C-alpha atoms as a PDB file:
ATOM      1  CA  MET A   1       0.000   0.000   0.000  1.00  0.00           C
ATOM      2  CA  SER A   2       1.273   3.475  -0.896  1.00  0.00           C
ATOM      3  CA  ALA A   3       1.655   6.450   1.444  1.00  0.00           C
ATOM      4  CA  LEU A   4      -1.403   8.113  -0.073  1.00  0.00           C
ATOM      5  CA  ALA A   5      -3.925   5.634   1.357  1.00  0.00           C
ATOM      6  CA  PRO A   6      -3.042   5.968   5.092  1.00  0.00           C
ATOM      7  CA  THR A   7      -2.666   9.734   4.726  1.00  0.00           C
ATOM      8  CA  LEU A   8      -6.083  10.004   3.136  1.00  0.00           C
ATOM      9  CA  GLU A   9      -7.556   7.829   5.887  1.00  0.00           C
ATOM     10  CA  ALA A  10      -5.952   9.983   8.581  1.00  0.00           C
ATOM     11  CA  TYR A  11      -7.261  13.104   6.878  1.00  0.00           C
ATOM     12  CA  PHE A  12     -10.871  11.950   7.099  1.00  0.00           C
ATOM     13  CA  THR A  13     -10.719  10.321  10.540  1.00  0.00           C
ATOM     14  CA  THR A  14      -8.348  12.697  12.335  1.00  0.00           C
ATOM     15  CA  ARG A  15      -8.456  16.017  10.550  1.00  0.00           C
ATOM     16  CA  LEU A  16     -12.093  16.274   9.467  1.00  0.00           C
ATOM     17  CA  ALA A  17     -13.954  14.162  12.010  1.00  0.00           C
ATOM     18  CA  ARG A  18     -11.968  14.858  15.203  1.00  0.00           C
ATOM     19  CA  GLN A  19     -10.026  18.087  14.870  1.00  0.00           C
ATOM     20  CA  ARG A  20     -12.372  20.133  12.708  1.00  0.00           C
ATOM     21  CA  GLN A  21     -15.488  18.230  13.801  1.00  0.00           C
ATOM     22  CA  ALA A  22     -16.851  18.673  10.296  1.00  0.00           C
ATOM     23  CA  SER A  23     -20.514  17.986   9.696  1.00  0.00           C
ATOM     24  CA  ARG A  24     -21.664  14.740   8.109  1.00  0.00           C
ATOM     25  CA  ARG A  25     -22.596  16.560   4.902  1.00  0.00           C
ATOM     26  CA  THR A  26     -19.133  18.146   4.636  1.00  0.00           C
ATOM     27  CA  ILE A  27     -17.472  14.766   5.072  1.00  0.00           C
ATOM     28  CA  GLU A  28     -19.768  13.245   2.450  1.00  0.00           C
ATOM     29  CA  THR A  29     -18.987  16.049  -0.002  1.00  0.00           C
ATOM     30  CA  TYR A  30     -15.235  15.629   0.459  1.00  0.00           C
ATOM     31  CA  ARG A  31     -15.592  11.849   0.221  1.00  0.00           C
ATOM     32  CA  ASP A  32     -17.386  12.134  -3.111  1.00  0.00           C
ATOM     33  CA  ALA A  33     -14.682  14.466  -4.410  1.00  0.00           C
ATOM     34  CA  PHE A  34     -11.933  11.944  -3.686  1.00  0.00           C
ATOM     35  CA  CYS A  35     -13.933   9.004  -5.010  1.00  0.00           C
ATOM     36  CA  LEU A  36     -14.185  10.832  -8.325  1.00  0.00           C
ATOM     37  CA  LEU A  37     -10.542  11.894  -8.245  1.00  0.00           C
ATOM     38  CA  LEU A  38      -9.192   8.415  -7.461  1.00  0.00           C
ATOM     39  CA  SER A  39     -11.359   6.846 -10.166  1.00  0.00           C
ATOM     40  CA  TYR A  40     -10.081   9.387 -12.682  1.00  0.00           C
ATOM     41  CA  ALA A  41      -6.467   8.849 -11.553  1.00  0.00           C
ATOM     42  CA  GLN A  42      -6.883   5.095 -11.968  1.00  0.00           C
ATOM     43  CA  GLU A  43      -8.008   5.572 -15.561  1.00  0.00           C
ATOM     44  CA  ARG A  44      -5.098   7.911 -16.276  1.00  0.00           C
ATOM     45  CA  THR A  45      -2.292   5.975 -14.568  1.00  0.00           C
ATOM     46  CA  GLY A  46      -3.557   2.390 -14.636  1.00  0.00           C
ATOM     47  CA  LYS A  47      -2.919   2.081 -10.882  1.00  0.00           C
ATOM     48  CA  ALA A  48      -5.496   0.901  -8.382  1.00  0.00           C
ATOM     49  CA  PRO A  49      -6.474   3.554  -5.793  1.00  0.00           C
ATOM     50  CA  GLN A  50      -4.488   1.829  -3.011  1.00  0.00           C
ATOM     51  CA  GLN A  51      -1.399   1.860  -5.230  1.00  0.00           C
ATOM     52  CA  LEU A  52      -1.504   5.552  -6.100  1.00  0.00           C
ATOM     53  CA  GLU A  53       1.271   7.734  -4.711  1.00  0.00           C
ATOM     54  CA  ILE A  54       0.988  11.363  -3.658  1.00  0.00           C
ATOM     55  CA  ALA A  55       3.293  12.223  -6.549  1.00  0.00           C
ATOM     56  CA  ASP A  56       0.729  10.740  -8.957  1.00  0.00           C
ATOM     57  CA  LEU A  57      -1.753  13.447  -7.955  1.00  0.00           C
ATOM     58  CA  ASP A  58       0.302  16.259  -9.453  1.00  0.00           C
ATOM     59  CA  ALA A  59      -0.936  19.603 -10.715  1.00  0.00           C
ATOM     60  CA  GLU A  60      -1.306  18.353 -14.284  1.00  0.00           C
ATOM     61  CA  LEU A  61      -3.539  15.445 -13.285  1.00  0.00           C
ATOM     62  CA  ILE A  62      -5.606  17.603 -10.916  1.00  0.00           C
ATOM     63  CA  GLY A  63      -6.062  20.247 -13.622  1.00  0.00           C
ATOM     64  CA  ASP A  64      -7.177  17.634 -16.139  1.00  0.00           C
ATOM     65  CA  PHE A  65      -9.533  16.164 -13.551  1.00  0.00           C
ATOM     66  CA  LEU A  66     -11.181  19.540 -12.965  1.00  0.00           C
ATOM     67  CA  ASP A  67     -11.610  20.033 -16.716  1.00  0.00           C
ATOM     68  CA  HIS A  68     -13.044  16.511 -16.919  1.00  0.00           C
ATOM     69  CA  LEU A  69     -15.700  17.436 -14.362  1.00  0.00           C
ATOM     70  CA  GLU A  70     -16.932  20.266 -16.561  1.00  0.00           C
ATOM     71  CA  ALA A  71     -16.500  18.719 -19.995  1.00  0.00           C
ATOM     72  CA  GLN A  72     -17.464  15.060 -19.459  1.00  0.00           C
ATOM     73  CA  ARG A  73     -19.585  15.106 -16.303  1.00  0.00           C
ATOM     74  CA  GLY A  74     -21.316  18.398 -17.087  1.00  0.00           C
ATOM     75  CA  ASN A  75     -20.622  19.912 -13.667  1.00  0.00           C
ATOM     76  CA  SER A  76     -20.886  23.636 -13.090  1.00  0.00           C
ATOM     77  CA  VAL A  77     -17.987  25.919 -12.229  1.00  0.00           C
ATOM     78  CA  ALA A  78     -19.269  26.049  -8.652  1.00  0.00           C
ATOM     79  CA  THR A  79     -19.057  22.246  -8.387  1.00  0.00           C
ATOM     80  CA  ARG A  80     -15.589  22.280  -9.916  1.00  0.00           C
ATOM     81  CA  ASN A  81     -14.444  24.807  -7.328  1.00  0.00           C
ATOM     82  CA  ALA A  82     -15.999  22.771  -4.504  1.00  0.00           C
ATOM     83  CA  ARG A  83     -14.011  19.693  -5.600  1.00  0.00           C
ATOM     84  CA  LEU A  84     -10.834  21.776  -5.752  1.00  0.00           C
ATOM     85  CA  THR A  85     -11.497  23.075  -2.230  1.00  0.00           C
ATOM     86  CA  ALA A  86     -11.600  19.499  -0.932  1.00  0.00           C
ATOM     87  CA  ILE A  87      -8.349  18.630  -2.729  1.00  0.00           C
ATOM     88  CA  ARG A  88      -6.636  21.745  -1.384  1.00  0.00           C
ATOM     89  CA  SER A  89      -7.710  20.934   2.154  1.00  0.00           C
ATOM     90  CA  PHE A  90      -6.175  17.463   1.888  1.00  0.00           C
ATOM     91  CA  CYS A  91      -2.978  18.822   0.362  1.00  0.00           C
ATOM     92  CA  ARG A  92      -2.460  21.248   3.238  1.00  0.00           C
ATOM     93  CA  PHE A  93      -2.843  18.309   5.640  1.00  0.00           C
ATOM     94  CA  ALA A  94      -0.496  16.078   3.626  1.00  0.00           C
ATOM     95  CA  ALA A  95       2.195  18.767   3.369  1.00  0.00           C
ATOM     96  CA  TYR A  96       3.069  18.369   7.071  1.00  0.00           C
ATOM     97  CA  ARG A  97       3.178  14.569   6.903  1.00  0.00           C
ATOM     98  CA  HIS A  98       5.112  14.269   3.648  1.00  0.00           C
ATOM     99  CA  PRO A  99       7.535  17.181   3.268  1.00  0.00           C
ATOM    100  CA  GLU A 100       9.361  15.123   0.625  1.00  0.00           C
ATOM    101  CA  HIS A 101       6.414  15.896  -1.700  1.00  0.00           C
ATOM    102  CA  ALA A 102       6.352  19.600  -0.885  1.00  0.00           C
ATOM    103  CA  ALA A 103       7.032  20.647  -4.477  1.00  0.00           C
ATOM    104  CA  VAL A 104       4.200  18.530  -5.922  1.00  0.00           C
ATOM    105  CA  ILE A 105       1.792  19.640  -3.197  1.00  0.00           C
ATOM    106  CA  GLY A 106       2.772  23.288  -3.622  1.00  0.00           C
ATOM    107  CA  ARG A 107       1.940  23.237  -7.323  1.00  0.00           C
ATOM    108  CA  VAL A 108      -1.469  21.692  -6.603  1.00  0.00           C
ATOM    109  CA  LEU A 109      -2.183  24.356  -3.990  1.00  0.00           C
ATOM    110  CA  ALA A 110      -1.301  26.999  -6.579  1.00  0.00           C
ATOM    111  CA  ILE A 111      -4.176  25.912  -8.865  1.00  0.00           C
ATOM    112  CA  PRO A 112      -6.536  28.896  -8.808  1.00  0.00           C
ATOM    113  CA  ILE A 113     -10.249  28.845  -8.189  1.00  0.00           C
ATOM    114  CA  LYS A 114     -11.993  29.267 -11.519  1.00  0.00           C
ATOM    115  CA  ARG A 115     -13.853  32.510 -11.789  1.00  0.00           C
ATOM    116  CA  ARG A 116     -17.404  32.362 -13.026  1.00  0.00           C
ATOM    117  CA  GLU A 117     -19.748  34.918 -14.424  1.00  0.00           C
ATOM    118  CA  SER A 118     -22.365  35.934 -11.910  1.00  0.00           C
ATOM    119  CA  SER A 119     -25.838  35.364 -13.242  1.00  0.00           C
ATOM    120  CA  SER A 120     -29.240  36.499 -12.063  1.00  0.00           C
ATOM    121  CA  VAL A 121     -31.017  33.819 -14.103  1.00  0.00           C
ATOM    122  CA  VAL A 122     -32.936  31.676 -11.622  1.00  0.00           C
ATOM    123  CA  SER A 123     -35.087  28.808 -12.827  1.00  0.00           C
ATOM    124  CA  PHE A 124     -38.363  28.591 -10.930  1.00  0.00           C
ATOM    125  CA  LEU A 125     -41.924  27.380 -11.436  1.00  0.00           C
ATOM    126  CA  ASN A 126     -44.995  29.574 -11.630  1.00  0.00           C
ATOM    127  CA  ASP A 127     -48.294  28.717  -9.940  1.00  0.00           C
ATOM    128  CA  VAL A 128     -49.680  26.818 -12.938  1.00  0.00           C
ATOM    129  CA  GLU A 129     -46.527  24.713 -13.241  1.00  0.00           C
ATOM    130  CA  ILE A 130     -46.507  24.010  -9.509  1.00  0.00           C
ATOM    131  CA  GLU A 131     -50.084  22.754  -9.627  1.00  0.00           C
ATOM    132  CA  ALA A 132     -49.234  20.516 -12.582  1.00  0.00           C
ATOM    133  CA  LEU A 133     -46.195  19.089 -10.785  1.00  0.00           C
ATOM    134  CA  LEU A 134     -48.133  18.372  -7.592  1.00  0.00           C
ATOM    135  CA  ALA A 135     -50.842  16.622  -9.607  1.00  0.00           C
ATOM    136  CA  ALA A 136     -48.350  14.365 -11.416  1.00  0.00           C
ATOM    137  CA  PRO A 137     -47.774  11.634  -8.752  1.00  0.00           C
ATOM    138  CA  ASP A 138     -50.283   8.788  -8.776  1.00  0.00           C
ATOM    139  CA  ARG A 139     -51.836   9.141  -5.328  1.00  0.00           C
ATOM    140  CA  SER A 140     -53.638   5.814  -5.608  1.00  0.00           C
ATOM    141  CA  THR A 141     -50.304   4.185  -4.684  1.00  0.00           C
ATOM    142  CA  ARG A 142     -48.225   4.510  -1.519  1.00  0.00           C
ATOM    143  CA  GLU A 143     -45.184   5.633  -3.487  1.00  0.00           C
ATOM    144  CA  GLY A 144     -47.231   8.300  -5.275  1.00  0.00           C
ATOM    145  CA  ARG A 145     -48.592   9.637  -1.988  1.00  0.00           C
ATOM    146  CA  ARG A 146     -45.064   9.782  -0.613  1.00  0.00           C
ATOM    147  CA  ASP A 147     -43.832  11.657  -3.684  1.00  0.00           C
ATOM    148  CA  HIS A 148     -46.743  14.099  -3.569  1.00  0.00           C
ATOM    149  CA  CYS A 149     -46.035  14.864   0.086  1.00  0.00           C
ATOM    150  CA  LEU A 150     -42.316  15.285  -0.596  1.00  0.00           C
ATOM    151  CA  LEU A 151     -42.916  17.692  -3.486  1.00  0.00           C
ATOM    152  CA  LEU A 152     -45.410  19.719  -1.442  1.00  0.00           C
ATOM    153  CA  VAL A 153     -43.018  20.020   1.520  1.00  0.00           C
ATOM    154  CA  ALA A 154     -40.144  20.986  -0.786  1.00  0.00           C
ATOM    155  CA  LEU A 155     -42.180  23.693  -2.522  1.00  0.00           C
ATOM    156  CA  GLN A 156     -43.501  25.158   0.716  1.00  0.00           C
ATOM    157  CA  THR A 157     -40.376  25.004   2.886  1.00  0.00           C
ATOM    158  CA  GLY A 158     -37.618  25.559   0.299  1.00  0.00           C
ATOM    159  CA  LEU A 159     -35.384  23.007   2.031  1.00  0.00           C
ATOM    160  CA  ARG A 160     -32.087  22.069   0.435  1.00  0.00           C
ATOM    161  CA  LEU A 161     -31.830  18.599  -1.075  1.00  0.00           C
ATOM    162  CA  SER A 162     -29.752  17.249   1.814  1.00  0.00           C
ATOM    163  CA  GLU A 163     -32.143  18.782   4.345  1.00  0.00           C
ATOM    164  CA  LEU A 164     -35.189  17.358   2.582  1.00  0.00           C
ATOM    165  CA  SER A 165     -33.837  13.815   2.201  1.00  0.00           C
ATOM    166  CA  GLY A 166     -32.565  13.836   5.789  1.00  0.00           C
ATOM    167  CA  LEU A 167     -35.926  14.632   7.418  1.00  0.00           C
ATOM    168  CA  ARG A 168     -37.127  12.236  10.107  1.00  0.00           C
ATOM    169  CA  CYS A 169     -40.652  11.732  11.409  1.00  0.00           C
ATOM    170  CA  GLN A 170     -39.821  13.621  14.601  1.00  0.00           C
ATOM    171  CA  ASP A 171     -38.808  16.696  12.585  1.00  0.00           C
ATOM    172  CA  VAL A 172     -42.448  17.401  11.686  1.00  0.00           C
ATOM    173  CA  LYS A 173     -44.564  19.193  14.279  1.00  0.00           C
ATOM    174  CA  LEU A 174     -48.219  19.464  13.257  1.00  0.00           C
ATOM    175  CA  ALA A 175     -49.549  21.037  16.452  1.00  0.00           C
ATOM    176  CA  PRO A 176     -49.984  24.831  16.076  1.00  0.00           C
ATOM    177  CA  PRO A 177     -47.791  26.463  15.032  1.00  0.00           C
ATOM    178  CA  ALA A 178     -47.063  23.655  12.552  1.00  0.00           C
ATOM    179  CA  HIS A 179     -43.483  23.574  11.291  1.00  0.00           C
ATOM    180  CA  VAL A 180     -40.607  21.440  10.045  1.00  0.00           C
ATOM    181  CA  ARG A 181     -37.264  21.380  11.846  1.00  0.00           C
ATOM    182  CA  CYS A 182     -33.994  20.683  10.084  1.00  0.00           C
ATOM    183  CA  LEU A 183     -30.257  20.873  10.613  1.00  0.00           C
ATOM    184  CA  GLY A 184     -29.108  23.050   7.755  1.00  0.00           C
ATOM    185  CA  LYS A 185     -25.907  24.237   6.220  1.00  0.00           C
ATOM    186  CA  GLY A 186     -23.259  25.276   8.728  1.00  0.00           C
ATOM    187  CA  ARG A 187     -25.010  23.208  11.449  1.00  0.00           C
ATOM    188  CA  ARG A 188     -27.666  25.859  11.824  1.00  0.00           C
ATOM    189  CA  ARG A 189     -30.996  24.560  13.067  1.00  0.00           C
ATOM    190  CA  ARG A 190     -34.088  26.281  11.786  1.00  0.00           C
ATOM    191  CA  GLU A 191     -37.832  25.854  11.854  1.00  0.00           C
ATOM    192  CA  THR A 192     -39.945  26.479   8.751  1.00  0.00           C
ATOM    193  CA  PRO A 193     -43.727  26.988   9.109  1.00  0.00           C
ATOM    194  CA  LEU A 194     -46.257  24.863   7.264  1.00  0.00           C
ATOM    195  CA  GLY A 195     -49.534  25.919   5.687  1.00  0.00           C
ATOM    196  CA  SER A 196     -52.859  24.224   6.352  1.00  0.00           C
ATOM    197  CA  GLY A 197     -52.746  22.273   3.071  1.00  0.00           C
ATOM    198  CA  ALA A 198     -49.321  20.842   3.844  1.00  0.00           C
ATOM    199  CA  VAL A 199     -50.425  19.989   7.383  1.00  0.00           C
ATOM    200  CA  ARG A 200     -53.362  17.927   6.080  1.00  0.00           C
ATOM    201  CA  VAL A 201     -51.177  16.024   3.618  1.00  0.00           C
ATOM    202  CA  LEU A 202     -48.422  15.421   6.185  1.00  0.00           C
ATOM    203  CA  ARG A 203     -50.883  14.253   8.838  1.00  0.00           C
ATOM    204  CA  ALA A 204     -52.336  11.705   6.428  1.00  0.00           C
ATOM    205  CA  TRP A 205     -48.875  10.604   5.307  1.00  0.00           C
ATOM    206  CA  LEU A 206     -47.558  10.194   8.867  1.00  0.00           C
ATOM    207  CA  ARG A 207     -50.614   8.103   9.720  1.00  0.00           C
ATOM    208  CA  GLU A 208     -49.927   5.875   6.729  1.00  0.00           C
ATOM    209  CA  ARG A 209     -46.158   5.989   7.133  1.00  0.00           C
ATOM    210  CA  GLY A 210     -46.088   4.718  10.728  1.00  0.00           C
ATOM    211  CA  GLY A 211     -42.629   4.020  12.085  1.00  0.00           C
ATOM    212  CA  THR A 212     -40.666   5.554  14.948  1.00  0.00           C
ATOM    213  CA  ASP A 213     -39.645   9.159  15.433  1.00  0.00           C
ATOM    214  CA  HIS A 214     -36.067   8.510  14.284  1.00  0.00           C
ATOM    215  CA  GLU A 215     -37.010   6.832  11.000  1.00  0.00           C
ATOM    216  CA  PRO A 216     -36.921   8.807   7.731  1.00  0.00           C
ATOM    217  CA  LEU A 217     -39.983  10.858   6.850  1.00  0.00           C
ATOM    218  CA  PHE A 218     -39.723   9.888   3.175  1.00  0.00           C
ATOM    219  CA  PRO A 219     -38.339   6.336   3.139  1.00  0.00           C
ATOM    220  CA  SER A 220     -37.035   4.398   0.204  1.00  0.00           C
ATOM    221  CA  ARG A 221     -38.444   0.986  -0.695  1.00  0.00           C
ATOM    222  CA  LEU A 222     -35.935  -0.561   1.709  1.00  0.00           C
ATOM    223  CA  GLY A 223     -36.957   1.756   4.537  1.00  0.00           C
ATOM    224  CA  GLY A 224     -33.860   3.963   4.603  1.00  0.00           C
ATOM    225  CA  HIS A 225     -33.411   7.591   3.637  1.00  0.00           C
ATOM    226  CA  LEU A 226     -33.838   8.478  -0.029  1.00  0.00           C
ATOM    227  CA  SER A 227     -30.474   9.243  -1.554  1.00  0.00           C
ATOM    228  CA  PRO A 228     -29.937  12.640  -3.228  1.00  0.00           C
ATOM    229  CA  ASP A 229     -29.847  10.919  -6.616  1.00  0.00           C
ATOM    230  CA  ALA A 230     -33.148   9.186  -5.871  1.00  0.00           C
ATOM    231  CA  VAL A 231     -34.802  12.516  -5.038  1.00  0.00           C
ATOM    232  CA  ARG A 232     -33.421  14.053  -8.242  1.00  0.00           C
ATOM    233  CA  ARG A 233     -34.813  11.185 -10.311  1.00  0.00           C
ATOM    234  CA  LEU A 234     -38.131  11.448  -8.472  1.00  0.00           C
ATOM    235  CA  VAL A 235     -38.463  15.154  -9.251  1.00  0.00           C
ATOM    236  CA  ALA A 236     -37.386  14.704 -12.871  1.00  0.00           C
ATOM    237  CA  LYS A 237     -39.853  11.840 -13.393  1.00  0.00           C
ATOM    238  CA  HIS A 238     -42.842  13.802 -12.138  1.00  0.00           C
ATOM    239  CA  ALA A 239     -41.761  16.954 -13.975  1.00  0.00           C
ATOM    240  CA  ALA A 240     -41.705  14.960 -17.212  1.00  0.00           C
ATOM    241  CA  ALA A 241     -45.194  13.616 -16.464  1.00  0.00           C
ATOM    242  CA  ALA A 242     -46.456  17.112 -15.620  1.00  0.00           C
ATOM    243  CA  SER A 243     -45.057  18.520 -18.860  1.00  0.00           C
ATOM    244  CA  ARG A 244     -47.665  16.546 -20.807  1.00  0.00           C
ATOM    245  CA  SER A 245     -50.394  18.751 -19.367  1.00  0.00           C
ATOM    246  CA  CYS A 246     -48.302  21.898 -18.867  1.00  0.00           C
ATOM    247  CA  GLN A 247     -46.271  22.652 -21.973  1.00  0.00           C
ATOM    248  CA  SER A 248     -44.177  25.404 -20.355  1.00  0.00           C
ATOM    249  CA  LEU A 249     -42.475  22.736 -18.215  1.00  0.00           C
ATOM    250  CA  ARG A 250     -40.948  21.202 -21.343  1.00  0.00           C
ATOM    251  CA  ALA A 251     -38.544  24.115 -21.654  1.00  0.00           C
ATOM    252  CA  LYS A 252     -37.396  23.871 -18.024  1.00  0.00           C
ATOM    253  CA  ARG A 253     -34.978  21.524 -16.299  1.00  0.00           C
ATOM    254  CA  VAL A 254     -36.698  20.864 -12.987  1.00  0.00           C
ATOM    255  CA  THR A 255     -34.450  19.782 -10.098  1.00  0.00           C
ATOM    256  CA  PRO A 256     -34.878  19.789  -6.306  1.00  0.00           C
ATOM    257  CA  HIS A 257     -33.101  23.150  -6.267  1.00  0.00           C
ATOM    258  CA  THR A 258     -35.701  24.485  -8.724  1.00  0.00           C
ATOM    259  CA  LEU A 259     -38.321  23.755  -6.069  1.00  0.00           C
ATOM    260  CA  ARG A 260     -36.269  25.737  -3.561  1.00  0.00           C
ATOM    261  CA  HIS A 261     -36.099  28.669  -5.986  1.00  0.00           C
ATOM    262  CA  SER A 262     -39.839  28.379  -6.589  1.00  0.00           C
ATOM    263  CA  CYS A 263     -40.543  28.661  -2.861  1.00  0.00           C
ATOM    264  CA  ALA A 264     -38.413  31.810  -2.630  1.00  0.00           C
ATOM    265  CA  MET A 265     -40.049  33.418  -5.669  1.00  0.00           C
ATOM    266  CA  ARG A 266     -43.562  32.702  -4.382  1.00  0.00           C
ATOM    267  CA  LEU A 267     -42.682  34.390  -1.094  1.00  0.00           C
ATOM    268  CA  LEU A 268     -41.242  37.346  -2.994  1.00  0.00           C
ATOM    269  CA  HIS A 269     -44.335  37.670  -5.207  1.00  0.00           C
ATOM    270  CA  HIS A 270     -46.515  37.800  -2.096  1.00  0.00           C
ATOM    271  CA  GLY A 271     -44.556  40.742  -0.729  1.00  0.00           C
ATOM    272  CA  VAL A 272     -42.446  38.948   1.868  1.00  0.00           C
ATOM    273  CA  ASP A 273     -39.354  40.925   2.857  1.00  0.00           C
ATOM    274  CA  VAL A 274     -36.020  39.689   1.536  1.00  0.00           C
ATOM    275  CA  ALA A 275     -34.614  39.376   5.071  1.00  0.00           C
ATOM    276  CA  VAL A 276     -37.471  37.033   6.003  1.00  0.00           C
ATOM    277  CA  ILE A 277     -36.862  34.958   2.857  1.00  0.00           C
ATOM    278  CA  ALA A 278     -33.185  34.669   3.801  1.00  0.00           C
ATOM    279  CA  MET A 279     -34.139  33.301   7.236  1.00  0.00           C
ATOM    280  CA  TRP A 280     -36.742  31.023   5.636  1.00  0.00           C
ATOM    281  CA  LEU A 281     -34.175  29.470   3.281  1.00  0.00           C
ATOM    282  CA  GLY A 282     -31.365  29.375   5.832  1.00  0.00           C
ATOM    283  CA  HIS A 283     -29.074  31.786   3.993  1.00  0.00           C
ATOM    284  CA  GLU A 284     -26.105  32.931   6.033  1.00  0.00           C
ATOM    285  CA  ARG A 285     -25.811  36.215   4.137  1.00  0.00           C
ATOM    286  CA  LEU A 286     -28.567  38.445   2.866  1.00  0.00           C
ATOM    287  CA  GLN A 287     -26.569  38.864  -0.349  1.00  0.00           C
ATOM    288  CA  SER A 288     -27.391  35.267  -1.294  1.00  0.00           C
ATOM    289  CA  THR A 289     -31.073  36.190  -1.421  1.00  0.00           C
ATOM    290  CA  GLN A 290     -30.611  39.272  -3.595  1.00  0.00           C
ATOM    291  CA  THR A 291     -30.466  37.101  -6.707  1.00  0.00           C
ATOM    292  CA  TYR A 292     -34.229  36.553  -6.443  1.00  0.00           C
ATOM    293  CA  LEU A 293     -34.809  40.295  -6.672  1.00  0.00           C
ATOM    294  CA  HIS A 294     -32.845  40.435  -9.923  1.00  0.00           C
ATOM    295  CA  ALA A 295     -34.616  37.366 -11.310  1.00  0.00           C
ATOM    296  CA  ASP A 296     -38.127  38.648 -10.620  1.00  0.00           C
ATOM    297  CA  LEU A 297     -39.222  40.535 -13.731  1.00  0.00           C
ATOM    298  CA  THR A 298     -42.632  41.307 -12.243  1.00  0.00           C
ATOM    299  CA  ILE A 299     -41.038  43.576  -9.648  1.00  0.00           C
ATOM    300  CA  LYS A 300     -39.185  45.443 -12.368  1.00  0.00           C
ATOM    301  CA  GLN A 301     -42.369  45.649 -14.429  1.00  0.00           C
ATOM    302  CA  ARG A 302     -44.274  47.176 -11.518  1.00  0.00           C
ATOM    303  CA  ALA A 303     -41.515  49.748 -11.123  1.00  0.00           C
ATOM    304  CA  LEU A 304     -41.706  50.529 -14.835  1.00  0.00           C
ATOM    305  CA  ASP A 305     -45.479  50.954 -14.657  1.00  0.00           C
ATOM    306  CA  ARG A 306     -45.041  53.597 -11.973  1.00  0.00           C
ATOM    307  CA  MET A 307     -42.859  55.632 -14.301  1.00  0.00           C
ATOM    308  CA  ALA A 308     -45.272  57.592 -16.459  1.00  0.00           C
ATOM    309  CA  PRO A 309     -44.116  59.275 -19.692  1.00  0.00           C
ATOM    310  CA  ASP A 310     -43.274  62.973 -19.515  1.00  0.00           C
ATOM    311  CA  ASP A 311     -46.445  64.081 -21.333  1.00  0.00           C
ATOM    312  CA  GLN A 312     -48.644  62.177 -18.905  1.00  0.00           C
ATOM    313  CA  ALA A 313     -46.664  63.516 -15.970  1.00  0.00           C
ATOM    314  CA  ALA A 314     -47.150  67.025 -17.288  1.00  0.00           C
ATOM    315  CA  ALA A 315     -50.877  66.402 -17.649  1.00  0.00           C
ATOM    316  CA  ARG A 316     -51.091  65.445 -13.978  1.00  0.00           C
ATOM    317  CA  ARG A 317     -49.300  68.589 -12.765  1.00  0.00           C
ATOM    318  CA  TYR A 318     -51.256  71.114 -10.784  1.00  0.00           C
ATOM    319  CA  ARG A 319     -52.890  73.785 -12.900  1.00  0.00           C
ATOM    320  CA  PRO A 320     -54.409  76.820 -11.201  1.00  0.00           C
ATOM    321  CA  PRO A 321     -58.164  77.328 -11.812  1.00  0.00           C
ATOM    322  CA  ASP A 322     -59.600  80.104 -13.929  1.00  0.00           C
ATOM    323  CA  ARG A 323     -58.752  83.579 -12.531  1.00  0.00           C
ATOM    324  CA  LEU A 324     -62.389  84.613 -12.267  1.00  0.00           C
ATOM    325  CA  ILE A 325     -63.387  81.440 -10.398  1.00  0.00           C
ATOM    326  CA  ALA A 326     -60.388  81.881  -8.165  1.00  0.00           C
ATOM    327  CA  GLN A 327     -61.489  85.404  -7.276  1.00  0.00           C
ATOM    328  CA  LEU A 328     -65.011  84.227  -6.537  1.00  0.00           C
ATOM    329  CA  LYS A 329     -63.717  81.465  -4.263  1.00  0.00           C
ATOM    330  CA  ALA A 330     -61.537  83.972  -2.488  1.00  0.00           C
ATOM    331  CA  LEU A 331     -64.599  86.073  -1.414  1.00  0.00           C
END
C-alpha cells in the first residue's frame, strides 16, 4: 500500500472528524470528491487507488480532472471549485506529513479557483406549473402519496436537497404552530412553518407511514433515507409527467433546487421581505437572497409601470383654476 492511502484515511478520521469536527454533509462532499478523483487517476495511470502515490496526484492530473468534471460530467464551475477546495484541504494536511512531496503539493495548492460569471437567471416554477407538478404523482399508490407529500413540503419550505432527504418523522410538528425542523448548512438549526394544506397532507402521510420518530420521513423501498440521486430522479420523473399537461415545463430543467427557488419566488411575489426569505431558506448572508430580486421581472415591471411618460406627468401637474373662479372662491 502506498503512502497516499493511510494519509487520506488519517485526513478523514483525524483532521475532518476529530479536529475540525466537520458535519456529516461536509465529510460526504469531500468523500465524493476523492472518489471521483481516485477513479479518474486510476483511468489515467492504470494504478489501483491503493497503489496511487501522492506524486501521482500532481498539478497536471488535478487540472485535467477539474476540466473533466466540466466537460465530461457536465458539472458547473461552482461544483468544480468545490471539488478543488476538498483537494486543497487534503494537500495542506499532507504537506506536514510528507515534506518530501512539498514541491508537488505546492503546485497543486497553486491551482486557482476558476472565476465564473455571476448570473441572475434563476429557474423557478410559476403557480400553474406548480399545480401541474403536484398533480403528477399517482396518489392511488403509496409511493405516489409519498412523492406528492415530498414535493409539497419541498415547494412550501424551500429546504435544500440534503435537508429534505434527511428529514425524520420527529422533525415534523403538526400542532400549532405547525413547522418542520432541520439541521441546515453550517449546522444551523431552523424551523420552517407549514400551511394548512401541507399539514393535512403530512398528517395523512404520517398516519400511513407509521414508524418511529427517528425513522426517515420519506423512506425508500428498503426503509432507509432516499439518496440525493433518488430525489433528483423522483423530481425529474414527475416533472416529465407534468409537462404533458403543462407545456411550459418542457422548456425547463426541474431539479430539487428548482423547487427551492420556486418557494423563494412565491414568497417574494406575495410581498415577503427579503430578510425574512433569507431566514426562511437558511441563507447565512442576505446577499445570497438578492439574486431573487434580480430574477423577478414582475417587480421590475411594476416599477416601470409607476414611471409615467413625460407628457402624462405634465398632464397630472397642478394647474391653477380660472382667474375669475379663483377670485369668486376667495370672497
